Amino acid sequence: MSWTRVLTAGVVGGIVVNLVDFVMHGVIMSSTYMKYPVFSQEEDPANIGWFFVIAVCIGIFAALLFAKTRGSWAAGIKGGVTYGFFLGLIFFFQPFYNPLVLEGFPYYLSWCWGGIGMIDALVLGAVLGALYKQPA
């Protein structure tokens, strides 16, 4: 396992996922979020830099897991997308905890967030498959 390739693929994957999330949450879903009081912030909003840092951390950890299991996936982007699908199943079901712990969080958004999580994982998997080649 090449740590340089893992870190490179993870950082690039994290940046790409951060951009995908910006489009999905910041552009496509923004008007939906304004409908629900659970998203109103009375305090200062979170520092946007943390979203980038967390996306890169997720990318690095996903790349590490991908590198450790690389032999299990097909070569190239196809194998990465397959990995992304299975990773995406975890991302898909996680948001269903939100209605249980956040007052006013609608189940509709759990479905939306689950779908966005799956899209994130598929895109991340494609990036990892493209950048982290199977060892010869």
C-alpha atoms as a PDB file:
ATOM      1  CA  MET A   1       0.000   0.000   0.000  1.00  0.00           C
ATOM      2  CA  SER A   2       1.385   3.374  -1.014  1.00  0.00           C
ATOM      3  CA  TRP A   3       0.648   6.059   1.567  1.00  0.00           C
ATOM      4  CA  THR A   4       1.323   8.771  -1.002  1.00  0.00           C
ATOM      5  CA  ARG A   5      -1.309   7.348  -3.336  1.00  0.00           C
ATOM      6  CA  VAL A   6      -3.766   6.864  -0.465  1.00  0.00           C
ATOM      7  CA  LEU A   7      -3.354  10.453   0.731  1.00  0.00           C
ATOM      8  CA  THR A   8      -3.486  11.872  -2.797  1.00  0.00           C
ATOM      9  CA  ALA A   9      -6.607   9.898  -3.726  1.00  0.00           C
ATOM     10  CA  GLY A  10      -8.224  10.710  -0.384  1.00  0.00           C
ATOM     11  CA  VAL A  11      -7.561  14.445  -0.554  1.00  0.00           C
ATOM     12  CA  VAL A  12      -8.707  14.700  -4.178  1.00  0.00           C
ATOM     13  CA  GLY A  13     -11.760  12.561  -3.411  1.00  0.00           C
ATOM     14  CA  GLY A  14     -12.584  14.716  -0.384  1.00  0.00           C
ATOM     15  CA  ILE A  15     -12.340  17.902  -2.413  1.00  0.00           C
ATOM     16  CA  VAL A  16     -14.596  16.478  -5.128  1.00  0.00           C
ATOM     17  CA  VAL A  17     -17.153  15.307  -2.538  1.00  0.00           C
ATOM     18  CA  ASN A  18     -17.048  18.740  -0.906  1.00  0.00           C
ATOM     19  CA  LEU A  19     -17.918  20.313  -4.265  1.00  0.00           C
ATOM     20  CA  VAL A  20     -20.701  17.783  -4.869  1.00  0.00           C
ATOM     21  CA  ASP A  21     -22.118  18.509  -1.403  1.00  0.00           C
ATOM     22  CA  PHE A  22     -21.976  22.242  -2.041  1.00  0.00           C
ATOM     23  CA  VAL A  23     -24.071  21.792  -5.185  1.00  0.00           C
ATOM     24  CA  MET A  24     -26.471  19.303  -3.596  1.00  0.00           C
ATOM     25  CA  HIS A  25     -26.992  21.030  -0.247  1.00  0.00           C
ATOM     26  CA  GLY A  26     -26.118  24.637  -1.030  1.00  0.00           C
ATOM     27  CA  VAL A  27     -27.826  24.969  -4.404  1.00  0.00           C
ATOM     28  CA  ILE A  28     -30.356  22.197  -5.020  1.00  0.00           C
ATOM     29  CA  MET A  29     -31.654  21.686  -1.457  1.00  0.00           C
ATOM     30  CA  SER A  30     -31.251  25.221  -0.065  1.00  0.00           C
ATOM     31  CA  SER A  31     -34.849  26.302  -0.655  1.00  0.00           C
ATOM     32  CA  THR A  32     -36.076  23.072   0.945  1.00  0.00           C
ATOM     33  CA  TYR A  33     -34.013  23.704   4.069  1.00  0.00           C
ATOM     34  CA  MET A  34     -35.593  27.121   4.547  1.00  0.00           C
ATOM     35  CA  LYS A  35     -39.002  25.473   4.990  1.00  0.00           C
ATOM     36  CA  TYR A  36     -37.997  23.642   8.166  1.00  0.00           C
ATOM     37  CA  PRO A  37     -37.373  25.376  11.507  1.00  0.00           C
ATOM     38  CA  VAL A  38     -34.783  22.754  12.462  1.00  0.00           C
ATOM     39  CA  PHE A  39     -32.364  24.572  10.133  1.00  0.00           C
ATOM     40  CA  SER A  40     -32.847  28.079  11.489  1.00  0.00           C
ATOM     41  CA  GLN A  41     -29.705  29.297  13.219  1.00  0.00           C
ATOM     42  CA  GLU A  42     -29.982  31.934  15.867  1.00  0.00           C
ATOM     43  CA  GLU A  43     -26.264  31.822  16.580  1.00  0.00           C
ATOM     44  CA  ASP A  44     -23.403  32.434  14.185  1.00  0.00           C
ATOM     45  CA  PRO A  45     -23.278  29.762  11.474  1.00  0.00           C
ATOM     46  CA  ALA A  46     -20.523  27.165  11.457  1.00  0.00           C
ATOM     47  CA  ASN A  47     -17.189  28.030   9.894  1.00  0.00           C
ATOM     48  CA  ILE A  48     -17.418  26.837   6.294  1.00  0.00           C
ATOM     49  CA  GLY A  49     -13.804  25.656   6.448  1.00  0.00           C
ATOM     50  CA  TRP A  50     -14.849  22.769   8.684  1.00  0.00           C
ATOM     51  CA  PHE A  51     -17.000  21.337   5.916  1.00  0.00           C
ATOM     52  CA  PHE A  52     -13.896  21.154   3.719  1.00  0.00           C
ATOM     53  CA  VAL A  53     -11.742  19.630   6.478  1.00  0.00           C
ATOM     54  CA  ILE A  54     -14.327  16.975   7.309  1.00  0.00           C
ATOM     55  CA  ALA A  55     -14.854  16.076   3.621  1.00  0.00           C
ATOM     56  CA  VAL A  56     -11.091  15.631   3.171  1.00  0.00           C
ATOM     57  CA  CYS A  57     -10.873  13.488   6.330  1.00  0.00           C
ATOM     58  CA  ILE A  58     -13.719  11.283   5.083  1.00  0.00           C
ATOM     59  CA  GLY A  59     -11.959  11.055   1.712  1.00  0.00           C
ATOM     60  CA  ILE A  60      -8.684   9.964   3.329  1.00  0.00           C
ATOM     61  CA  PHE A  61     -10.324   7.326   5.536  1.00  0.00           C
ATOM     62  CA  ALA A  62     -12.373   6.020   2.595  1.00  0.00           C
ATOM     63  CA  ALA A  63      -9.178   5.888   0.496  1.00  0.00           C
ATOM     64  CA  LEU A  64      -7.409   3.954   3.240  1.00  0.00           C
ATOM     65  CA  LEU A  65     -10.222   1.393   3.378  1.00  0.00           C
ATOM     66  CA  PHE A  66     -10.273   1.237  -0.426  1.00  0.00           C
ATOM     67  CA  ALA A  67      -6.502   0.655  -0.552  1.00  0.00           C
ATOM     68  CA  LYS A  68      -6.714  -2.111   2.049  1.00  0.00           C
ATOM     69  CA  THR A  69      -9.449  -3.872   0.067  1.00  0.00           C
ATOM     70  CA  ARG A  70      -8.271  -2.907  -3.439  1.00  0.00           C
ATOM     71  CA  GLY A  71      -7.872  -6.500  -4.575  1.00  0.00           C
ATOM     72  CA  SER A  72     -11.583  -7.104  -3.947  1.00  0.00           C
ATOM     73  CA  TRP A  73     -12.757  -4.558  -6.530  1.00  0.00           C
ATOM     74  CA  ALA A  74     -12.510  -4.501 -10.300  1.00  0.00           C
ATOM     75  CA  ALA A  75      -9.831  -2.354 -11.874  1.00  0.00           C
ATOM     76  CA  GLY A  76     -10.351   1.337 -12.534  1.00  0.00           C
ATOM     77  CA  ILE A  77     -13.433   3.451 -12.074  1.00  0.00           C
ATOM     78  CA  LYS A  78     -15.786   0.443 -12.272  1.00  0.00           C
ATOM     79  CA  GLY A  79     -14.231  -1.094  -9.157  1.00  0.00           C
ATOM     80  CA  GLY A  80     -14.256   2.269  -7.412  1.00  0.00           C
ATOM     81  CA  VAL A  81     -17.943   2.794  -8.119  1.00  0.00           C
ATOM     82  CA  THR A  82     -18.701  -0.706  -6.803  1.00  0.00           C
ATOM     83  CA  TYR A  83     -16.786   0.140  -3.617  1.00  0.00           C
ATOM     84  CA  GLY A  84     -18.631   3.468  -3.501  1.00  0.00           C
ATOM     85  CA  PHE A  85     -21.989   1.704  -3.702  1.00  0.00           C
ATOM     86  CA  PHE A  86     -21.277  -0.415  -0.629  1.00  0.00           C
ATOM     87  CA  LEU A  87     -19.850   2.585   1.220  1.00  0.00           C
ATOM     88  CA  GLY A  88     -22.917   4.512   0.102  1.00  0.00           C
ATOM     89  CA  LEU A  89     -25.229   2.006   1.772  1.00  0.00           C
ATOM     90  CA  ILE A  90     -23.760   3.129   5.096  1.00  0.00           C
ATOM     91  CA  PHE A  91     -24.115   6.789   4.117  1.00  0.00           C
ATOM     92  CA  PHE A  92     -27.674   6.150   2.917  1.00  0.00           C
ATOM     93  CA  PHE A  93     -29.060   4.724   6.144  1.00  0.00           C
ATOM     94  CA  GLN A  94     -27.226   6.963   8.626  1.00  0.00           C
ATOM     95  CA  PRO A  95     -29.525  10.016   8.157  1.00  0.00           C
ATOM     96  CA  PHE A  96     -32.525   8.020   9.390  1.00  0.00           C
ATOM     97  CA  TYR A  97     -31.267   8.611  12.933  1.00  0.00           C
ATOM     98  CA  ASN A  98     -31.879  12.350  12.525  1.00  0.00           C
ATOM     99  CA  PRO A  99     -35.686  12.307  12.937  1.00  0.00           C
ATOM    100  CA  LEU A 100     -35.190  10.244  16.076  1.00  0.00           C
ATOM    101  CA  VAL A 101     -32.869  12.745  17.766  1.00  0.00           C
ATOM    102  CA  LEU A 102     -33.593  16.145  16.181  1.00  0.00           C
ATOM    103  CA  GLU A 103     -36.969  17.622  16.974  1.00  0.00           C
ATOM    104  CA  GLY A 104     -38.723  18.710  13.796  1.00  0.00           C
ATOM    105  CA  PHE A 105     -36.421  16.848  11.410  1.00  0.00           C
ATOM    106  CA  PRO A 106     -38.670  15.421   8.654  1.00  0.00           C
ATOM    107  CA  TYR A 107     -38.279  11.887   7.319  1.00  0.00           C
ATOM    108  CA  TYR A 108     -38.439  13.356   3.836  1.00  0.00           C
ATOM    109  CA  LEU A 109     -35.031  14.925   4.414  1.00  0.00           C
ATOM    110  CA  SER A 110     -33.662  11.623   5.667  1.00  0.00           C
ATOM    111  CA  TRP A 111     -34.477  10.178   2.249  1.00  0.00           C
ATOM    112  CA  CYS A 112     -32.909  13.201   0.551  1.00  0.00           C
ATOM    113  CA  TRP A 113     -29.790  13.049   2.677  1.00  0.00           C
ATOM    114  CA  GLY A 114     -29.540   9.306   2.173  1.00  0.00           C
ATOM    115  CA  GLY A 115     -29.662   9.799  -1.577  1.00  0.00           C
ATOM    116  CA  ILE A 116     -27.075  12.563  -1.400  1.00  0.00           C
ATOM    117  CA  GLY A 117     -24.883  10.305   0.743  1.00  0.00           C
ATOM    118  CA  MET A 118     -25.134   7.578  -1.884  1.00  0.00           C
ATOM    119  CA  ILE A 119     -24.229  10.057  -4.637  1.00  0.00           C
ATOM    120  CA  ASP A 120     -21.271  11.248  -2.558  1.00  0.00           C
ATOM    121  CA  ALA A 121     -20.035   7.700  -2.041  1.00  0.00           C
ATOM    122  CA  LEU A 122     -20.398   6.775  -5.728  1.00  0.00           C
ATOM    123  CA  VAL A 123     -18.486   9.895  -6.800  1.00  0.00           C
ATOM    124  CA  LEU A 124     -15.832   9.299  -4.137  1.00  0.00           C
ATOM    125  CA  GLY A 125     -15.511   5.676  -5.233  1.00  0.00           C
ATOM    126  CA  ALA A 126     -15.106   6.717  -8.861  1.00  0.00           C
ATOM    127  CA  VAL A 127     -12.338   9.159  -7.915  1.00  0.00           C
ATOM    128  CA  LEU A 128     -10.588   6.540  -5.777  1.00  0.00           C
ATOM    129  CA  GLY A 129     -10.872   3.929  -8.528  1.00  0.00           C
ATOM    130  CA  ALA A 130      -9.378   6.351 -11.041  1.00  0.00           C
ATOM    131  CA  LEU A 131      -6.515   7.471  -8.802  1.00  0.00           C
ATOM    132  CA  TYR A 132      -5.628   4.374  -6.791  1.00  0.00           C
ATOM    133  CA  LYS A 133      -4.738   1.663  -9.278  1.00  0.00           C
ATOM    134  CA  GLN A 134      -4.555  -2.002  -8.399  1.00  0.00           C
ATOM    135  CA  PRO A 135      -1.020  -3.105  -7.597  1.00  0.00           C
ATOM    136  CA  ALA A 136       0.629  -5.077 -10.378  1.00  0.00           C
END
